Amino acid sequence: MIDKLQGIKLRFDFLSEKLASPDAMADKDAWREMVKERASLEEIVLAFDEYSSVLASLENCKAMLNEKLDNEMKELVRAEVDELEAKREELDAQLHILLLPKDPNDDRDVILEIRAGTGGDEASLFGADLLRMYLRFAERNGYKVEYLSNNLTEMGGVKEVVLSIGGKRGAYSKLKYESGVHRVQRVPETESQGRIHTSAATVAVLPEVDDVQIDVKESDLRIDTYRASGAGGQHVNKTESAIRITHLPTGMVVSCQDEKSQLKNKEQAMRVLKSRLYDFYHNQQQAERAGARKSQIGSGDRSERIRTYNFPQGRVTDHRIGLTLYKLDAFIDGDMDEMLNALSVAERSEMLAGEAD
């Protein structure tokens, strides 16, 4: 491990030196790649520097124990050795996790889809709560949001919403754990008896892909046009601007009617279709490689219940890692980092255990 870490540090120092040179931006594409690579190595290098410092301090303390010291001083040095040993073990575990292969999609933007599940109007209203939660999370983290499809109920609930979230690195690495069934337990405003109801909404998070990654043949597509319906302005029901694309080999269907332009709707629908196809084929490959084995944070299956939002008790529980946070109001307001970081640690720990098997 040490040899690998030293190699990473040398590469980091080399990139830092290159980026500091006056002609670093002569080739902007190369400069961007160097900035990206250096940023990906920085966390590992900082942890390795701290690890090296702890090892040096340990060596000095152990050398002091071999010298002639009074009893009080020896006790102080032994206590420091114990602290440094604990720190060394902590950093050793952290470095092993940091050296694990990263998800190649982590730096990508995401296509995030929310659909009302079981529970009628309450499920669609909960879908609207999830939509606000992700919008606030995006705002807190400086991500840009673009609506690709927006199908709301008359009460302001969500039937189906599709968003693009990104604009800066790491959107997928943060939000990829959100795929699955989200369950809510609360008393609906329309409930006169004060009974707690349970309803659900489904979330899907897909890495947004480009044309190079996924090749969709025109011959595999059936493209239908139709008149848009529902709220949307004067163009609704007057022109056939809405688009429905069917991918014949898989049977996937994507519709888009939000834009006035038929061409724009087609572009939006193709973005969603490509991301869904990429996710579909990627999951197929993963299943072939890993068989039926599921990781600690779950399979990512859209049918898997991943989280419960209990309003009467003010708690949110993630069932994959058994973590409960008693700060539901803050969580729904987009303060999701503690949960997402815990899910990331669980995933990496599971990967580390898999390597050891």
Protein backbone atom coordinates (compact mmCIF):
# COMPACT_ATOMS: atom_id res chain seq x y z
CA MET A 1 0.00 0.00 0.00
CA ILE A 2 2.83 2.41 0.89
CA ASP A 3 4.42 2.07 -2.58
CA LYS A 4 1.09 2.86 -4.22
CA LEU A 5 0.55 5.88 -1.97
CA GLN A 6 4.04 7.20 -2.66
CA GLY A 7 3.37 6.90 -6.39
CA ILE A 8 0.13 8.84 -6.00
CA LYS A 9 1.92 11.56 -4.04
CA LEU A 10 4.60 11.87 -6.72
CA ARG A 11 1.90 12.22 -9.38
CA PHE A 12 0.07 14.82 -7.26
CA ASP A 13 3.26 16.86 -6.78
CA PHE A 14 4.02 16.64 -10.51
CA LEU A 15 0.52 17.89 -11.42
CA SER A 16 0.76 20.70 -8.84
CA GLU A 17 4.06 21.82 -10.37
CA LYS A 18 2.67 21.67 -13.93
CA LEU A 19 -0.44 23.64 -13.01
CA ALA A 20 1.68 26.33 -11.34
CA SER A 21 3.77 26.90 -14.47
CA PRO A 22 3.07 30.08 -16.52
CA ASP A 23 2.10 28.15 -19.66
CA ALA A 24 -0.25 25.72 -17.84
CA MET A 25 -3.35 27.04 -19.65
CA ALA A 26 -1.85 27.03 -23.13
CA ASP A 27 -3.86 23.87 -23.83
CA LYS A 28 -7.16 24.39 -22.00
CA ASP A 29 -8.38 20.82 -22.49
CA ALA A 30 -5.14 19.41 -21.03
CA TRP A 31 -5.33 21.95 -18.20
CA ARG A 32 -8.88 20.87 -17.31
CA GLU A 33 -7.84 17.21 -17.28
CA MET A 34 -4.89 17.98 -14.98
CA VAL A 35 -7.11 19.99 -12.61
CA LYS A 36 -9.61 17.13 -12.51
CA GLU A 37 -6.93 14.49 -11.88
CA ARG A 38 -5.23 16.55 -9.17
CA ALA A 39 -8.55 17.09 -7.39
CA SER A 40 -9.24 13.34 -7.46
CA LEU A 41 -5.89 12.65 -5.74
CA GLU A 42 -5.95 15.43 -3.14
CA GLU A 43 -7.94 13.63 -0.43
CA ILE A 44 -5.67 10.58 -0.64
CA VAL A 45 -2.49 12.71 -0.49
CA LEU A 46 -3.70 14.70 2.53
CA ALA A 47 -4.55 11.49 4.39
CA PHE A 48 -1.17 9.97 3.42
CA ASP A 49 0.68 13.08 4.65
CA GLU A 50 -1.09 12.80 7.99
CA TYR A 51 -0.38 9.06 8.10
CA SER A 52 3.35 9.69 7.42
CA SER A 53 3.45 12.33 10.15
CA VAL A 54 1.86 9.92 12.64
CA LEU A 55 4.36 7.18 11.74
CA ALA A 56 7.26 9.60 12.26
CA SER A 57 5.89 10.69 15.63
CA LEU A 58 5.41 7.06 16.65
CA GLU A 59 8.99 6.24 15.79
CA ASN A 60 10.27 9.19 17.85
CA CYS A 61 8.13 8.25 20.86
CA LYS A 62 9.23 4.63 20.77
CA ALA A 63 12.85 5.75 20.57
CA MET A 64 12.30 7.93 23.65
CA LEU A 65 11.09 4.90 25.62
CA ASN A 66 14.52 3.34 25.15
CA GLU A 67 16.15 6.36 26.77
CA LYS A 68 16.60 6.93 30.49
CA LEU A 69 13.43 8.71 31.57
CA ASP A 70 11.78 9.16 34.94
CA ASN A 71 8.57 7.24 35.55
CA GLU A 72 6.29 10.23 35.06
CA MET A 73 7.82 11.06 31.67
CA LYS A 74 7.63 7.41 30.56
CA GLU A 75 3.91 7.31 31.38
CA LEU A 76 3.34 10.45 29.31
CA VAL A 77 5.24 8.98 26.35
CA ARG A 78 3.38 5.64 26.62
CA ALA A 79 0.06 7.52 26.62
CA GLU A 80 1.13 9.40 23.50
CA VAL A 81 2.17 6.12 21.82
CA ASP A 82 -1.28 4.67 22.53
CA GLU A 83 -2.96 7.73 20.99
CA LEU A 84 -0.71 7.61 17.94
CA GLU A 85 -1.29 3.88 17.45
CA ALA A 86 -5.06 4.44 17.50
CA LYS A 87 -4.67 7.28 15.00
CA ARG A 88 -2.43 5.15 12.78
CA GLU A 89 -5.05 2.37 12.68
CA GLU A 90 -7.80 4.88 11.86
CA LEU A 91 -5.78 6.43 9.01
CA ASP A 92 -4.74 2.99 7.73
CA ALA A 93 -8.41 2.00 7.40
CA GLN A 94 -9.24 5.35 5.77
CA LEU A 95 -6.45 4.97 3.21
CA HIS A 96 -7.53 1.44 2.30
CA ILE A 97 -11.02 2.78 1.59
CA LEU A 98 -9.71 5.78 -0.38
CA LEU A 99 -7.65 3.46 -2.60
CA LEU A 100 -10.70 1.42 -3.63
CA PRO A 101 -11.73 1.87 -7.28
CA LYS A 102 -14.22 4.69 -7.70
CA ASP A 103 -17.48 4.52 -9.60
CA PRO A 104 -16.62 5.87 -13.08
CA ASN A 105 -19.96 7.72 -13.13
CA ASP A 106 -19.41 9.63 -9.88
CA ASP A 107 -18.46 12.90 -11.58
CA ARG A 108 -21.47 12.88 -13.91
CA ASP A 109 -24.67 14.91 -13.86
CA VAL A 110 -27.80 12.93 -13.02
CA ILE A 111 -31.26 12.35 -14.39
CA LEU A 112 -33.51 12.15 -11.32
CA GLU A 113 -37.06 10.83 -11.66
CA ILE A 114 -39.80 10.99 -9.01
CA ARG A 115 -43.09 9.10 -9.37
CA ALA A 116 -46.04 8.85 -6.99
CA GLY A 117 -46.55 5.32 -5.71
CA THR A 118 -49.21 3.72 -3.53
CA GLY A 119 -51.34 6.08 -1.47
CA GLY A 120 -53.38 8.18 -3.91
CA ASP A 121 -53.31 11.96 -3.42
CA GLU A 122 -51.11 11.64 -0.34
CA ALA A 123 -48.48 9.78 -2.38
CA SER A 124 -48.41 12.55 -4.98
CA LEU A 125 -48.13 15.21 -2.25
CA PHE A 126 -45.24 13.26 -0.73
CA GLY A 127 -43.67 13.18 -4.21
CA ALA A 128 -43.88 16.99 -4.18
CA ASP A 129 -42.12 17.02 -0.79
CA LEU A 130 -39.33 14.88 -2.24
CA LEU A 131 -39.07 17.21 -5.22
CA ARG A 132 -38.63 20.22 -2.91
CA MET A 133 -36.09 18.25 -0.86
CA TYR A 134 -33.92 17.55 -3.91
CA LEU A 135 -34.28 21.13 -5.17
CA ARG A 136 -33.10 22.45 -1.77
CA PHE A 137 -30.26 19.91 -1.72
CA ALA A 138 -29.18 21.06 -5.19
CA GLU A 139 -29.32 24.69 -4.08
CA ARG A 140 -27.23 23.96 -0.95
CA ASN A 141 -24.58 22.19 -3.03
CA GLY A 142 -24.45 24.62 -5.95
CA TYR A 143 -25.95 22.25 -8.55
CA LYS A 144 -28.01 23.48 -11.47
CA VAL A 145 -31.48 22.00 -11.99
CA GLU A 146 -33.34 21.62 -15.28
CA TYR A 147 -36.86 20.21 -15.62
CA LEU A 148 -37.07 17.60 -18.38
CA SER A 149 -40.64 16.51 -17.63
CA ASN A 150 -43.16 17.83 -15.12
CA ASN A 151 -46.53 16.14 -14.58
CA LEU A 152 -48.35 17.55 -11.52
CA THR A 153 -51.77 16.98 -9.98
CA GLU A 154 -54.40 19.68 -9.47
CA MET A 155 -53.48 19.68 -5.75
CA GLY A 156 -49.84 20.44 -6.53
CA GLY A 157 -48.68 16.87 -6.05
CA VAL A 158 -46.28 14.99 -8.31
CA LYS A 159 -47.45 12.30 -10.70
CA GLU A 160 -44.05 12.20 -12.41
CA VAL A 161 -41.17 14.67 -12.54
CA VAL A 162 -37.86 14.21 -14.36
CA LEU A 163 -34.95 16.54 -13.55
CA SER A 164 -31.40 17.03 -14.72
CA ILE A 165 -29.15 17.93 -11.75
CA GLY A 166 -25.47 18.85 -12.15
CA GLY A 167 -23.33 21.62 -13.51
CA LYS A 168 -20.41 20.77 -11.21
CA ARG A 169 -18.55 17.59 -10.34
CA GLY A 170 -20.01 14.90 -8.14
CA ALA A 171 -23.80 15.07 -8.54
CA TYR A 172 -24.09 11.33 -9.21
CA SER A 173 -21.68 10.44 -6.38
CA LYS A 174 -24.02 12.25 -3.96
CA LEU A 175 -27.44 11.26 -5.29
CA LYS A 176 -26.92 7.71 -6.56
CA TYR A 177 -28.07 6.28 -3.20
CA GLU A 178 -31.56 7.79 -3.64
CA SER A 179 -32.85 5.14 -6.08
CA GLY A 180 -35.68 3.09 -4.62
CA VAL A 181 -39.00 3.37 -2.79
CA HIS A 182 -39.35 6.21 -0.27
CA ARG A 183 -42.11 5.66 2.29
CA VAL A 184 -43.88 8.34 4.34
CA GLN A 185 -45.89 7.93 7.55
CA ARG A 186 -47.99 10.93 8.57
CA VAL A 187 -51.52 12.26 9.11
CA PRO A 188 -52.79 13.70 5.81
CA GLU A 189 -54.42 17.14 5.91
CA THR A 190 -57.64 15.54 4.63
CA GLU A 191 -57.73 12.97 7.46
CA SER A 192 -60.41 14.04 9.94
CA GLN A 193 -59.84 11.13 12.35
CA GLY A 194 -56.15 11.96 12.90
CA ARG A 195 -55.02 8.54 11.67
CA ILE A 196 -51.51 8.00 10.37
CA HIS A 197 -51.40 6.92 6.73
CA THR A 198 -48.55 5.23 4.89
CA SER A 199 -47.84 6.06 1.26
CA ALA A 200 -44.85 5.93 -1.05
CA ALA A 201 -43.04 7.49 -3.99
CA THR A 202 -40.38 5.98 -6.23
CA VAL A 203 -37.11 7.71 -7.08
CA ALA A 204 -34.73 6.72 -9.87
CA VAL A 205 -31.26 8.29 -10.24
CA LEU A 206 -29.39 7.71 -13.49
CA PRO A 207 -26.01 9.05 -14.63
CA GLU A 208 -26.49 11.41 -17.56
CA VAL A 209 -24.56 10.09 -20.54
CA ASP A 210 -23.36 11.45 -23.86
CA ASP A 211 -23.52 10.12 -27.40
CA VAL A 212 -20.11 8.49 -27.11
CA GLN A 213 -21.20 6.23 -24.26
CA ILE A 214 -24.51 4.99 -25.60
CA ASP A 215 -25.25 4.47 -29.29
CA VAL A 216 -28.97 4.49 -30.06
CA LYS A 217 -29.86 3.45 -33.61
CA GLU A 218 -32.65 5.35 -35.33
CA SER A 219 -33.98 2.04 -36.62
CA ASP A 220 -34.53 0.93 -33.00
CA LEU A 221 -36.84 3.87 -32.28
CA ARG A 222 -40.50 4.56 -32.89
CA ILE A 223 -41.25 8.27 -32.51
CA ASP A 224 -44.86 9.41 -32.12
CA THR A 225 -46.16 12.96 -31.89
CA TYR A 226 -49.34 14.00 -30.11
CA ARG A 227 -51.05 16.99 -28.59
CA ALA A 228 -49.88 17.87 -25.09
CA SER A 229 -52.39 17.77 -22.23
CA GLY A 230 -52.70 19.45 -18.86
CA ALA A 231 -51.24 22.76 -17.73
CA GLY A 232 -48.66 24.28 -20.00
CA GLY A 233 -49.83 27.44 -21.73
CA GLN A 234 -51.64 28.32 -24.91
CA HIS A 235 -49.79 25.83 -27.11
CA VAL A 236 -51.35 22.90 -25.24
CA ASN A 237 -53.84 20.90 -27.35
CA LYS A 238 -53.25 23.17 -30.39
CA THR A 239 -50.13 21.64 -31.94
CA GLU A 240 -48.66 18.15 -31.89
CA SER A 241 -45.53 19.24 -30.01
CA ALA A 242 -45.48 16.37 -27.50
CA ILE A 243 -43.13 13.47 -28.25
CA ARG A 244 -43.26 9.80 -27.30
CA ILE A 245 -40.18 7.69 -28.07
CA THR A 246 -40.30 3.90 -27.86
CA HIS A 247 -37.05 1.92 -27.84
CA LEU A 248 -38.16 -1.21 -29.65
CA PRO A 249 -35.48 -3.70 -28.45
CA THR A 250 -36.20 -3.01 -24.75
CA GLY A 251 -39.75 -1.65 -24.89
CA MET A 252 -38.74 1.49 -22.97
CA VAL A 253 -41.05 4.45 -23.51
CA VAL A 254 -40.17 8.10 -22.81
CA SER A 255 -42.59 11.00 -23.26
CA CYS A 256 -41.97 14.74 -23.12
CA GLN A 257 -44.48 17.57 -23.59
CA ASP A 258 -43.12 20.44 -21.48
CA GLU A 259 -41.60 22.45 -24.33
CA LYS A 260 -43.50 24.28 -27.09
CA SER A 261 -41.03 23.02 -29.68
CA GLN A 262 -41.39 19.47 -30.98
CA LEU A 263 -37.62 19.39 -31.60
CA LYS A 264 -36.86 20.49 -28.04
CA ASN A 265 -39.20 17.85 -26.62
CA LYS A 266 -37.47 15.22 -28.75
CA GLU A 267 -34.03 16.33 -27.46
CA GLN A 268 -35.23 16.17 -23.84
CA ALA A 269 -36.81 12.73 -24.34
CA MET A 270 -33.60 11.39 -25.95
CA ARG A 271 -31.54 12.59 -22.96
CA VAL A 272 -33.77 10.62 -20.61
CA LEU A 273 -33.89 7.57 -22.89
CA LYS A 274 -30.10 7.39 -23.23
CA SER A 275 -29.62 7.60 -19.47
CA ARG A 276 -32.23 4.88 -18.87
CA LEU A 277 -30.64 2.62 -21.49
CA TYR A 278 -27.17 3.18 -20.04
CA ASP A 279 -28.49 2.28 -16.59
CA PHE A 280 -30.31 -0.77 -17.99
CA TYR A 281 -27.27 -2.20 -19.82
CA HIS A 282 -24.92 -1.29 -16.95
CA ASN A 283 -27.11 -3.17 -14.46
CA GLN A 284 -27.19 -6.17 -16.81
CA GLN A 285 -23.39 -6.24 -16.89
CA GLN A 286 -23.18 -5.88 -13.11
CA ALA A 287 -25.63 -8.75 -12.63
CA GLU A 288 -23.59 -10.97 -14.93
CA ARG A 289 -20.37 -10.17 -13.07
CA ALA A 290 -21.69 -10.27 -9.52
CA GLY A 291 -24.46 -12.84 -9.78
CA ALA A 292 -27.15 -12.36 -7.20
CA ARG A 293 -24.88 -10.76 -4.59
CA LYS A 294 -26.21 -7.49 -3.14
CA SER A 295 -24.12 -4.89 -1.37
CA GLN A 296 -24.82 -3.54 2.10
CA ILE A 297 -26.57 -0.44 0.76
CA GLY A 298 -28.89 -2.46 -1.44
CA SER A 299 -29.22 -3.37 -5.07
CA GLY A 300 -30.51 -0.01 -6.23
CA ASP A 301 -33.63 -1.79 -7.46
CA ARG A 302 -36.47 0.72 -7.88
CA SER A 303 -38.80 -1.71 -6.06
CA GLU A 304 -36.64 -1.80 -2.94
CA ARG A 305 -37.90 0.22 0.04
CA ILE A 306 -34.91 2.24 1.10
CA ARG A 307 -36.14 4.93 3.48
CA THR A 308 -39.03 5.88 5.77
CA TYR A 309 -39.98 9.46 6.67
CA ASN A 310 -41.97 9.37 9.91
CA PHE A 311 -43.50 12.81 10.54
CA PRO A 312 -45.19 12.17 13.94
CA GLN A 313 -41.83 11.12 15.42
CA GLY A 314 -39.74 13.60 13.40
CA ARG A 315 -37.38 10.89 12.16
CA VAL A 316 -36.00 9.59 8.89
CA THR A 317 -34.64 6.03 8.71
CA ASP A 318 -32.52 4.50 5.98
CA HIS A 319 -33.22 0.76 6.03
CA ARG A 320 -30.10 -0.24 4.08
CA ILE A 321 -27.69 0.83 6.81
CA GLY A 322 -30.10 1.04 9.76
CA LEU A 323 -29.42 4.73 10.34
CA THR A 324 -32.11 6.91 11.95
CA LEU A 325 -31.80 10.70 12.16
CA TYR A 326 -34.16 12.70 14.37
CA LYS A 327 -34.06 15.81 12.22
CA LEU A 328 -36.77 15.20 9.64
CA ASP A 329 -37.58 18.88 9.08
CA ALA A 330 -33.95 19.70 8.25
CA PHE A 331 -33.61 16.60 6.08
CA ILE A 332 -36.72 17.45 4.04
CA ASP A 333 -35.24 20.95 3.66
CA GLY A 334 -32.27 19.43 1.81
CA ASP A 335 -29.87 18.86 4.72
CA MET A 336 -29.06 15.31 3.54
CA ASP A 337 -25.25 15.22 3.82
CA GLU A 338 -25.02 13.19 7.05
CA MET A 339 -27.18 10.40 5.57
CA LEU A 340 -25.49 10.43 2.17
CA ASN A 341 -22.00 10.38 3.70
CA ALA A 342 -22.97 7.40 5.88
CA LEU A 343 -24.25 5.55 2.80
CA SER A 344 -20.97 6.29 0.98
CA VAL A 345 -18.92 4.94 3.90
CA ALA A 346 -21.11 1.81 4.03
CA GLU A 347 -20.65 1.19 0.32
CA ARG A 348 -16.87 1.55 0.51
CA SER A 349 -16.66 -0.63 3.62
CA GLU A 350 -18.63 -3.33 1.82
CA MET A 351 -16.30 -3.07 -1.17
CA LEU A 352 -13.31 -3.41 1.16
CA ALA A 353 -14.85 -6.51 2.78
CA GLY A 354 -15.47 -7.95 -0.68
CA GLU A 355 -11.81 -7.48 -1.63
CA ALA A 356 -10.75 -9.28 1.52
CA ASP A 357 -13.00 -12.33 0.82
